[in-house]
């Protein structure tokens, strides 16, 4: 019980202290939010992901078309000849 109170008091002190603000600022800067090189890389990665999504969509459409064609061919082969 006492340890819980101590942890709460230390936590309260830490989150209200300038040390916590300094740690938060340091973590924000470590995230690369202000580094132009990292922002450019993130933008390039975003464009690459968009292109890959388009490619996957196109491949999915082609696969659907191929499956439909194969089903039609199998149905024709299953019908008795006239």
N, C-alpha and C. Protein backbone atom coordinates (compact mmCIF):
# COMPACT_ATOMS: atom_id res chain seq x y z
N UNK A 1 0.82 -1.19 0.00
CA UNK A 1 0.00 0.00 0.00
C UNK A 1 0.86 1.26 0.00
N UNK A 2 1.88 1.24 0.83
CA UNK A 2 2.77 2.39 0.91
C UNK A 2 3.53 2.56 -0.40
N UNK A 3 3.95 1.44 -1.00
CA UNK A 3 4.69 1.52 -2.25
C UNK A 3 3.83 2.10 -3.37
N UNK A 4 2.54 1.80 -3.37
CA UNK A 4 1.63 2.36 -4.37
C UNK A 4 1.54 3.87 -4.23
N UNK A 5 1.45 4.34 -2.99
CA UNK A 5 1.36 5.78 -2.74
C UNK A 5 2.66 6.46 -3.17
N UNK A 6 3.78 5.84 -2.87
CA UNK A 6 5.08 6.40 -3.25
C UNK A 6 5.19 6.49 -4.76
N UNK A 7 4.79 5.43 -5.45
CA UNK A 7 4.85 5.42 -6.92
C UNK A 7 3.94 6.52 -7.48
N UNK A 8 2.77 6.69 -6.93
CA UNK A 8 1.86 7.74 -7.40
C UNK A 8 2.44 9.13 -7.16
N UNK A 9 3.03 9.35 -6.00
CA UNK A 9 3.63 10.66 -5.71
C UNK A 9 4.82 10.96 -6.62
N UNK A 10 5.68 9.96 -6.83
CA UNK A 10 6.83 10.16 -7.71
C UNK A 10 6.35 10.39 -9.14
N UNK A 11 5.35 9.63 -9.57
CA UNK A 11 4.79 9.82 -10.91
C UNK A 11 4.19 11.20 -11.08
N UNK A 12 3.44 11.66 -10.09
CA UNK A 12 2.84 12.99 -10.14
C UNK A 12 3.93 14.04 -10.22
N UNK A 13 4.97 13.90 -9.38
CA UNK A 13 6.07 14.86 -9.39
C UNK A 13 6.75 14.87 -10.76
N UNK A 14 7.01 13.68 -11.32
CA UNK A 14 7.72 13.61 -12.60
C UNK A 14 6.92 14.26 -13.71
N UNK A 15 5.63 13.97 -13.78
CA UNK A 15 4.83 14.51 -14.88
C UNK A 15 4.56 15.99 -14.75
N UNK A 16 4.73 16.55 -13.57
CA UNK A 16 4.58 17.99 -13.38
C UNK A 16 5.92 18.73 -13.46
N UNK A 17 7.01 18.01 -13.54
CA UNK A 17 8.34 18.63 -13.48
C UNK A 17 8.80 19.09 -14.85
N UNK A 18 9.74 20.04 -14.87
CA UNK A 18 10.35 20.47 -16.13
C UNK A 18 11.13 19.32 -16.79
N UNK A 19 11.56 18.36 -15.99
CA UNK A 19 12.27 17.21 -16.55
C UNK A 19 11.38 16.44 -17.52
N UNK A 20 10.13 16.30 -17.17
CA UNK A 20 9.19 15.61 -18.06
C UNK A 20 9.00 16.38 -19.36
N UNK A 21 8.87 17.70 -19.26
CA UNK A 21 8.73 18.52 -20.48
C UNK A 21 9.97 18.39 -21.36
N UNK A 22 11.15 18.38 -20.75
CA UNK A 22 12.37 18.25 -21.51
C UNK A 22 12.43 16.89 -22.20
N UNK A 23 12.03 15.84 -21.48
CA UNK A 23 12.00 14.50 -22.09
C UNK A 23 11.02 14.44 -23.25
N UNK A 24 9.87 15.06 -23.08
CA UNK A 24 8.87 15.06 -24.16
C UNK A 24 9.39 15.81 -25.38
N UNK A 25 10.03 16.95 -25.18
CA UNK A 25 10.61 17.70 -26.30
C UNK A 25 11.69 16.88 -27.00
N UNK A 26 12.52 16.21 -26.21
CA UNK A 26 13.58 15.40 -26.79
C UNK A 26 12.99 14.26 -27.63
N UNK A 27 11.95 13.61 -27.11
CA UNK A 27 11.31 12.51 -27.85
C UNK A 27 10.67 13.02 -29.13
N UNK A 28 10.05 14.18 -29.08
CA UNK A 28 9.43 14.74 -30.28
C UNK A 28 10.49 15.01 -31.35
N UNK A 29 11.62 15.54 -30.95
CA UNK A 29 12.70 15.84 -31.91
C UNK A 29 13.34 14.56 -32.43
N UNK A 30 13.37 13.51 -31.64
CA UNK A 30 13.92 12.23 -32.08
C UNK A 30 13.04 11.58 -33.13
N UNK A 31 11.77 11.91 -33.16
CA UNK A 31 10.84 11.31 -34.11
C UNK A 31 11.05 11.77 -35.53
N UNK A 32 11.88 12.78 -35.74
CA UNK A 32 12.18 13.23 -37.09
C UNK A 32 11.12 14.16 -37.65
N UNK A 33 10.26 14.69 -36.81
CA UNK A 33 9.20 15.55 -37.29
C UNK A 33 9.70 16.83 -37.93
N UNK A 34 10.94 17.22 -37.59
CA UNK A 34 11.44 18.50 -38.10
C UNK A 34 12.62 18.32 -39.06
N UNK A 35 13.04 17.11 -39.29
CA UNK A 35 14.18 16.85 -40.16
C UNK A 35 13.70 16.77 -41.61
N UNK A 36 14.11 17.72 -42.45
CA UNK A 36 13.61 17.72 -43.84
C UNK A 36 13.98 16.47 -44.63
N UNK A 37 15.16 15.89 -44.33
CA UNK A 37 15.55 14.68 -45.06
C UNK A 37 14.60 13.54 -44.75
N UNK A 38 14.26 13.39 -43.47
CA UNK A 38 13.34 12.32 -43.11
C UNK A 38 11.94 12.58 -43.66
N UNK A 39 11.54 13.82 -43.67
CA UNK A 39 10.22 14.15 -44.23
C UNK A 39 10.19 13.82 -45.72
N UNK A 40 11.27 14.09 -46.44
CA UNK A 40 11.34 13.77 -47.87
C UNK A 40 11.29 12.26 -48.07
N UNK A 41 12.00 11.52 -47.22
CA UNK A 41 11.97 10.07 -47.33
C UNK A 41 10.58 9.53 -47.04
N UNK A 42 9.91 10.10 -46.04
CA UNK A 42 8.55 9.65 -45.73
C UNK A 42 7.60 9.95 -46.88
N UNK A 43 7.77 11.09 -47.51
CA UNK A 43 6.94 11.44 -48.65
C UNK A 43 7.17 10.47 -49.81
N UNK A 44 8.44 10.15 -50.06
CA UNK A 44 8.79 9.20 -51.12
C UNK A 44 8.21 7.82 -50.82
N UNK A 45 8.30 7.40 -49.57
CA UNK A 45 7.72 6.11 -49.19
C UNK A 45 6.21 6.11 -49.38
N UNK A 46 5.57 7.22 -49.06
CA UNK A 46 4.12 7.32 -49.26
C UNK A 46 3.75 7.17 -50.73
N UNK A 47 4.54 7.81 -51.60
CA UNK A 47 4.28 7.69 -53.04
C UNK A 47 4.49 6.25 -53.51
N UNK A 48 5.53 5.61 -52.98
CA UNK A 48 5.81 4.23 -53.36
C UNK A 48 4.68 3.31 -52.92
N UNK A 49 4.17 3.53 -51.72
CA UNK A 49 3.06 2.72 -51.23
C UNK A 49 1.82 2.93 -52.10
N UNK A 50 1.57 4.15 -52.51
CA UNK A 50 0.43 4.43 -53.38
C UNK A 50 0.58 3.70 -54.71
N UNK A 51 1.78 3.72 -55.28
CA UNK A 51 2.02 3.00 -56.54
C UNK A 51 1.85 1.49 -56.35
N UNK A 52 2.35 0.98 -55.25
CA UNK A 52 2.22 -0.46 -55.00
C UNK A 52 0.76 -0.85 -54.82
N UNK A 53 -0.02 -0.02 -54.18
CA UNK A 53 -1.46 -0.30 -54.03
C UNK A 53 -2.14 -0.36 -55.39
N UNK A 54 -1.77 0.56 -56.28
CA UNK A 54 -2.34 0.55 -57.62
C UNK A 54 -1.95 -0.72 -58.36
N UNK A 55 -0.68 -1.13 -58.22
CA UNK A 55 -0.22 -2.36 -58.87
C UNK A 55 -0.97 -3.58 -58.34
N UNK A 56 -1.16 -3.64 -57.04
CA UNK A 56 -1.87 -4.77 -56.44
C UNK A 56 -3.32 -4.79 -56.91
N UNK A 57 -3.95 -3.62 -57.02
CA UNK A 57 -5.32 -3.56 -57.51
C UNK A 57 -5.40 -4.06 -58.94
N UNK A 58 -4.45 -3.63 -59.77
CA UNK A 58 -4.44 -4.08 -61.17
C UNK A 58 -4.23 -5.60 -61.25
N UNK A 59 -3.31 -6.12 -60.46
CA UNK A 59 -3.08 -7.56 -60.46
C UNK A 59 -4.31 -8.32 -59.97
N UNK A 60 -5.00 -7.77 -59.00
CA UNK A 60 -6.21 -8.40 -58.49
C UNK A 60 -7.29 -8.45 -59.57
N UNK A 61 -7.43 -7.36 -60.32
CA UNK A 61 -8.41 -7.34 -61.40
C UNK A 61 -8.05 -8.36 -62.49
N UNK A 62 -6.77 -8.45 -62.81
CA UNK A 62 -6.33 -9.42 -63.82
C UNK A 62 -6.59 -10.85 -63.34
N UNK A 63 -6.35 -11.11 -62.07
CA UNK A 63 -6.57 -12.44 -61.53
C UNK A 63 -8.06 -12.78 -61.56
N UNK A 64 -8.91 -11.82 -61.20
CA UNK A 64 -10.35 -12.06 -61.28
C UNK A 64 -10.78 -12.38 -62.71
N UNK A 65 -10.25 -11.64 -63.68
CA UNK A 65 -10.59 -11.89 -65.08
C UNK A 65 -10.14 -13.29 -65.50
N UNK A 66 -8.93 -13.66 -65.11
CA UNK A 66 -8.41 -14.99 -65.46
C UNK A 66 -9.26 -16.09 -64.84
N UNK A 67 -9.66 -15.89 -63.60
CA UNK A 67 -10.51 -16.90 -62.94
C UNK A 67 -11.84 -17.04 -63.68
N UNK A 68 -12.42 -15.92 -64.08
CA UNK A 68 -13.70 -16.00 -64.82
C UNK A 68 -13.54 -16.72 -66.14
N UNK A 69 -12.44 -16.45 -66.84
CA UNK A 69 -12.19 -17.12 -68.12
C UNK A 69 -12.01 -18.62 -67.90
N UNK A 70 -11.26 -19.00 -66.89
CA UNK A 70 -11.05 -20.42 -66.61
C UNK A 70 -12.36 -21.11 -66.25
N UNK A 71 -13.21 -20.45 -65.51
CA UNK A 71 -14.51 -21.04 -65.16
C UNK A 71 -15.33 -21.27 -66.42
N UNK A 72 -15.31 -20.29 -67.34
CA UNK A 72 -16.07 -20.46 -68.58
C UNK A 72 -15.52 -21.62 -69.42
N UNK A 73 -14.20 -21.74 -69.47
CA UNK A 73 -13.59 -22.84 -70.23
C UNK A 73 -13.97 -24.17 -69.61
N UNK A 74 -13.94 -24.27 -68.31
CA UNK A 74 -14.30 -25.53 -67.63
C UNK A 74 -15.77 -25.86 -67.84
N UNK A 75 -16.61 -24.84 -67.84
CA UNK A 75 -18.05 -25.08 -68.07
C UNK A 75 -18.28 -25.59 -69.49
N UNK A 76 -17.56 -25.04 -70.45
CA UNK A 76 -17.70 -25.49 -71.85
C UNK A 76 -17.23 -26.93 -72.00
N UNK A 77 -16.15 -27.27 -71.35
CA UNK A 77 -15.63 -28.63 -71.44
C UNK A 77 -16.54 -29.63 -70.75
N UNK A 78 -17.30 -29.19 -69.77
CA UNK A 78 -18.18 -30.09 -69.03
C UNK A 78 -19.47 -30.35 -69.80
N UNK A 79 -19.84 -29.47 -70.73
CA UNK A 79 -21.06 -29.68 -71.49
C UNK A 79 -20.86 -30.81 -72.50
N UNK A 80 -21.87 -31.60 -72.71
CA UNK A 80 -21.75 -32.66 -73.72
C UNK A 80 -21.69 -32.05 -75.12
N UNK A 81 -20.98 -32.68 -76.03
CA UNK A 81 -20.89 -32.13 -77.39
C UNK A 81 -22.24 -32.26 -78.09
N UNK A 82 -22.51 -31.38 -79.04
CA UNK A 82 -23.79 -31.39 -79.76
C UNK A 82 -23.74 -32.27 -80.95
